[in-house]
Amino acid sequence: DRLASDLSERGFTSIVPSTLTVAEQRRRFAAADVIVAAHGAALTSLAWAQPGAVIVELLPAARPNLAFRRLAHQAGLRHVGLVCPPAGDGMEPHGDSELDVGAAVRLVEGVLAGR
């Protein structure tokens, strides 16, 4: 995955929360200063992030849901969203999104520069 590769060059570690124990998920999210993730259930682990951490959420344009933005703000986190347009013809309401990796990396670099 190109985004994971580009971010690893900037010191990020890629994880798949569903492959970790709950205790390990808690440890990883609590230790993170910046979290970059696609919108999804794994972001409930934001509850364990430390106040002041930044979440960069990749949001599907077809169905933007701001639940994790609200959770982040309640937990004292900074939330930054990147809206990703639908892949293909965009006619499938629950289809995949198209990620502009360059835009995502630039957004993360901006977050890092502002810390």
Protein backbone atom coordinates (compact mmCIF):
# COMPACT_ATOMS: atom_id res chain seq x y z
CA ASP A 1 0.00 0.00 0.00
CA ARG A 2 1.58 3.22 -1.17
CA LEU A 3 0.28 5.42 1.64
CA ALA A 4 1.68 3.08 4.30
CA SER A 5 5.01 3.03 2.48
CA ASP A 6 5.16 6.82 2.11
CA LEU A 7 4.25 7.33 5.76
CA SER A 8 6.76 4.75 6.96
CA GLU A 9 9.46 6.91 5.34
CA ARG A 10 8.24 9.65 7.69
CA GLY A 11 8.49 7.51 10.82
CA PHE A 12 5.00 6.02 10.92
CA THR A 13 4.28 2.40 11.82
CA SER A 14 1.40 0.72 10.01
CA ILE A 15 -0.90 -1.53 12.03
CA VAL A 16 -4.06 -3.53 11.36
CA PRO A 17 -6.03 -3.18 14.60
CA SER A 18 -8.17 -6.26 13.94
CA THR A 19 -5.02 -8.41 14.11
CA LEU A 20 -4.06 -7.08 17.56
CA THR A 21 -5.37 -7.85 21.01
CA VAL A 22 -7.47 -5.17 22.65
CA ALA A 23 -4.60 -4.51 25.06
CA GLU A 24 -2.17 -4.01 22.16
CA GLN A 25 -4.63 -1.72 20.36
CA ARG A 26 -4.94 0.33 23.55
CA ARG A 27 -1.14 0.56 23.90
CA ARG A 28 -0.60 1.57 20.26
CA PHE A 29 -3.31 4.24 20.18
CA ALA A 30 -2.23 5.63 23.55
CA ALA A 31 1.38 5.93 22.33
CA ALA A 32 0.56 7.61 18.99
CA ASP A 33 1.03 11.34 18.45
CA VAL A 34 -0.56 11.19 14.98
CA ILE A 35 -3.01 8.54 13.78
CA VAL A 36 -3.81 8.19 10.07
CA ALA A 37 -6.72 5.89 9.31
CA ALA A 38 -9.58 5.20 6.97
CA HIS A 39 -13.02 5.76 8.42
CA GLY A 40 -14.17 2.56 10.11
CA ALA A 41 -14.84 0.67 13.30
CA ALA A 42 -11.15 0.49 14.27
CA LEU A 43 -11.29 4.22 15.03
CA THR A 44 -13.28 3.50 18.18
CA SER A 45 -9.79 2.95 19.62
CA LEU A 46 -9.44 6.75 19.55
CA ALA A 47 -10.91 6.55 23.03
CA TRP A 48 -7.43 5.45 24.18
CA ALA A 49 -5.46 8.17 22.41
CA GLN A 50 -3.80 10.80 24.58
CA PRO A 51 -5.21 14.35 24.59
CA GLY A 52 -3.39 16.45 22.02
CA ALA A 53 -2.92 13.59 19.55
CA VAL A 54 -3.99 14.23 15.98
CA ILE A 55 -6.25 11.97 13.95
CA VAL A 56 -6.14 12.22 10.16
CA GLU A 57 -9.29 10.43 9.01
CA LEU A 58 -9.77 9.37 5.40
CA LEU A 59 -13.48 9.90 4.81
CA PRO A 60 -15.57 8.51 1.95
CA ALA A 61 -17.29 11.35 0.07
CA ALA A 62 -20.28 9.12 -0.71
CA ARG A 63 -21.11 8.69 2.97
CA PRO A 64 -19.16 11.06 5.20
CA ASN A 65 -19.84 10.25 8.83
CA LEU A 66 -18.47 12.63 11.41
CA ALA A 67 -18.90 10.35 14.43
CA PHE A 68 -15.15 9.95 14.93
CA ARG A 69 -14.66 13.70 14.61
CA ARG A 70 -17.05 14.16 17.52
CA LEU A 71 -15.31 11.40 19.50
CA ALA A 72 -11.93 13.00 18.82
CA HIS A 73 -13.06 16.41 20.03
CA GLN A 74 -14.64 14.95 23.17
CA ALA A 75 -11.36 13.15 23.91
CA GLY A 76 -9.25 16.30 23.44
CA LEU A 77 -7.81 15.19 20.10
CA ARG A 78 -7.33 17.25 16.98
CA HIS A 79 -9.26 15.84 14.02
CA VAL A 80 -8.37 16.50 10.38
CA GLY A 81 -10.42 14.90 7.63
CA LEU A 82 -9.53 14.15 4.03
CA VAL A 83 -12.59 13.47 1.89
CA CYS A 84 -11.94 10.77 -0.71
CA PRO A 85 -14.12 10.73 -3.84
CA PRO A 86 -15.91 7.57 -4.96
CA ALA A 87 -13.92 5.12 -7.09
CA GLY A 88 -15.08 4.30 -10.58
CA ASP A 89 -18.26 5.95 -11.80
CA GLY A 90 -19.34 6.81 -8.25
CA MET A 91 -22.76 5.25 -8.72
CA GLU A 92 -22.38 2.61 -6.00
CA PRO A 93 -23.48 4.29 -2.73
CA HIS A 94 -21.38 1.97 -0.56
CA GLY A 95 -18.54 1.41 -2.99
CA ASP A 96 -14.84 2.02 -2.52
CA SER A 97 -13.26 5.45 -2.36
CA GLU A 98 -10.32 6.73 -4.39
CA LEU A 99 -7.45 7.94 -2.22
CA ASP A 100 -5.18 10.68 -3.52
CA VAL A 101 -2.02 9.45 -1.78
CA GLY A 102 -0.12 12.65 -2.56
CA ALA A 103 -2.85 14.77 -0.95
CA ALA A 104 -2.90 12.49 2.10
CA VAL A 105 0.88 12.69 2.51
CA ARG A 106 0.84 16.49 2.12
CA LEU A 107 -1.92 16.73 4.75
CA VAL A 108 0.07 14.57 7.18
CA GLU A 109 3.23 16.60 6.51
CA GLY A 110 1.25 19.75 7.32
CA VAL A 111 0.05 18.18 10.56
CA LEU A 112 3.62 17.21 11.48
CA ALA A 113 4.92 20.70 10.67
CA GLY A 114 2.27 22.23 12.93
CA ARG A 115 3.13 20.10 15.97
